[in-house]
C-alpha atoms as a PDB file:
ATOM      1  CA  UNK A   1    -102.141  93.542 -57.692  1.00  0.00           C
ATOM      2  CA  UNK A   2    -101.772  90.152 -56.045  1.00  0.00           C
ATOM      3  CA  UNK A   3     -98.610  88.439 -54.800  1.00  0.00           C
ATOM      4  CA  UNK A   4     -98.355  86.142 -57.854  1.00  0.00           C
ATOM      5  CA  UNK A   5     -97.787  89.157 -60.132  1.00  0.00           C
ATOM      6  CA  UNK A   6     -94.500  89.928 -58.345  1.00  0.00           C
ATOM      7  CA  UNK A   7     -93.027  86.424 -58.586  1.00  0.00           C
ATOM      8  CA  UNK A   8     -90.664  85.769 -61.482  1.00  0.00           C
ATOM      9  CA  UNK A   9     -91.328  82.484 -63.241  1.00  0.00           C
ATOM     10  CA  UNK A  10     -88.672  79.817 -63.653  1.00  0.00           C
ATOM     11  CA  UNK A  11     -87.265  79.503 -67.173  1.00  0.00           C
ATOM     12  CA  UNK A  12     -86.139  76.318 -68.904  1.00  0.00           C
ATOM     13  CA  UNK A  13     -82.788  75.694 -70.552  1.00  0.00           C
ATOM     14  CA  UNK A  14     -84.455  76.056 -73.947  1.00  0.00           C
ATOM     15  CA  UNK A  15     -85.987  79.418 -72.990  1.00  0.00           C
ATOM     16  CA  UNK A  16     -82.582  80.691 -71.821  1.00  0.00           C
ATOM     17  CA  UNK A  17     -81.001  79.481 -75.068  1.00  0.00           C
ATOM     18  CA  UNK A  18     -83.563  81.413 -77.075  1.00  0.00           C
ATOM     19  CA  UNK A  19     -83.344  84.478 -74.831  1.00  0.00           C
ATOM     20  CA  UNK A  20     -79.542  84.669 -75.181  1.00  0.00           C
ATOM     21  CA  UNK A  21     -79.354  83.337 -78.745  1.00  0.00           C
ATOM     22  CA  UNK A  22     -76.849  80.627 -77.851  1.00  0.00           C
ATOM     23  CA  UNK A  23     -76.724  76.831 -78.059  1.00  0.00           C
ATOM     24  CA  UNK A  24     -77.501  74.217 -75.438  1.00  0.00           C
ATOM     25  CA  UNK A  25     -73.867  73.167 -75.023  1.00  0.00           C
ATOM     26  CA  UNK A  26     -72.801  76.771 -74.440  1.00  0.00           C
ATOM     27  CA  UNK A  27     -75.337  77.142 -71.622  1.00  0.00           C
ATOM     28  CA  UNK A  28     -74.171  73.867 -70.041  1.00  0.00           C
ATOM     29  CA  UNK A  29     -70.507  74.907 -70.313  1.00  0.00           C
ATOM     30  CA  UNK A  30     -71.258  78.292 -68.734  1.00  0.00           C
ATOM     31  CA  UNK A  31     -73.006  76.531 -65.840  1.00  0.00           C
ATOM     32  CA  UNK A  32     -70.035  74.199 -65.327  1.00  0.00           C
ATOM     33  CA  UNK A  33     -67.125  76.588 -65.961  1.00  0.00           C
ATOM     34  CA  UNK A  34     -68.339  80.147 -65.416  1.00  0.00           C
ATOM     35  CA  UNK A  35     -70.795  79.819 -62.544  1.00  0.00           C
ATOM     36  CA  UNK A  36     -73.868  80.775 -64.546  1.00  0.00           C
ATOM     37  CA  UNK A  37     -76.776  80.977 -62.102  1.00  0.00           C
ATOM     38  CA  UNK A  38     -78.810  77.813 -62.624  1.00  0.00           C
ATOM     39  CA  UNK A  39     -80.672  75.340 -60.453  1.00  0.00           C
ATOM     40  CA  UNK A  40     -80.987  71.611 -60.998  1.00  0.00           C
ATOM     41  CA  UNK A  41     -84.542  70.409 -60.347  1.00  0.00           C
ATOM     42  CA  UNK A  42     -84.487  66.649 -60.781  1.00  0.00           C
ATOM     43  CA  UNK A  43     -82.979  66.172 -64.243  1.00  0.00           C
ATOM     44  CA  UNK A  44     -83.932  69.659 -65.453  1.00  0.00           C
ATOM     45  CA  UNK A  45     -82.057  72.961 -65.297  1.00  0.00           C
ATOM     46  CA  UNK A  46     -84.090  76.001 -64.221  1.00  0.00           C
ATOM     47  CA  UNK A  47     -83.153  79.675 -64.391  1.00  0.00           C
ATOM     48  CA  UNK A  48     -84.319  83.105 -63.286  1.00  0.00           C
ATOM     49  CA  UNK A  49     -83.831  85.473 -66.225  1.00  0.00           C
ATOM     50  CA  UNK A  50     -83.132  88.375 -63.849  1.00  0.00           C
ATOM     51  CA  UNK A  51     -80.232  86.401 -62.320  1.00  0.00           C
ATOM     52  CA  UNK A  52     -78.866  85.495 -65.765  1.00  0.00           C
ATOM     53  CA  UNK A  53     -79.027  89.174 -66.821  1.00  0.00           C
ATOM     54  CA  UNK A  54     -77.223  90.247 -63.640  1.00  0.00           C
ATOM     55  CA  UNK A  55     -74.552  87.574 -64.191  1.00  0.00           C
ATOM     56  CA  UNK A  56     -73.959  88.741 -67.768  1.00  0.00           C
ATOM     57  CA  UNK A  57     -73.793  92.413 -66.744  1.00  0.00           C
ATOM     58  CA  UNK A  58     -71.260  91.550 -64.021  1.00  0.00           C
ATOM     59  CA  UNK A  59     -68.854  90.347 -66.724  1.00  0.00           C
ATOM     60  CA  UNK A  60     -68.725  86.749 -65.549  1.00  0.00           C
ATOM     61  CA  UNK A  61     -70.008  85.523 -68.912  1.00  0.00           C
ATOM     62  CA  UNK A  62     -67.003  86.940 -70.769  1.00  0.00           C
ATOM     63  CA  UNK A  63     -64.113  84.630 -71.553  1.00  0.00           C
ATOM     64  CA  UNK A  64     -61.093  84.940 -69.327  1.00  0.00           C
ATOM     65  CA  UNK A  65     -57.693  83.294 -69.490  1.00  0.00           C
ATOM     66  CA  UNK A  66     -56.431  82.338 -66.079  1.00  0.00           C
ATOM     67  CA  UNK A  67     -52.916  83.284 -65.029  1.00  0.00           C
ATOM     68  CA  UNK A  68     -52.117  79.572 -64.761  1.00  0.00           C
ATOM     69  CA  UNK A  69     -52.859  79.123 -68.482  1.00  0.00           C
ATOM     70  CA  UNK A  70     -50.925  82.304 -69.385  1.00  0.00           C
ATOM     71  CA  UNK A  71     -47.791  81.146 -67.578  1.00  0.00           C
ATOM     72  CA  UNK A  72     -47.620  77.770 -69.338  1.00  0.00           C
ATOM     73  CA  UNK A  73     -45.247  77.610 -72.354  1.00  0.00           C
END
């Protein structure tokens, strides 16, 4: 087994959309507002699926209402 077999490939925004079954805008919002693990390479977003899976399992993908929003009338 050579070293290349152990390296996870980078995934595109479209591949992540298909993997998670969500839309492009949802992915972009999660990057901006929920710290989804993503890397900007030039104009393109790149992802490691293992990092996305870990982020989802950690619960960070779930919607949360901040205490600031809860306290507003």
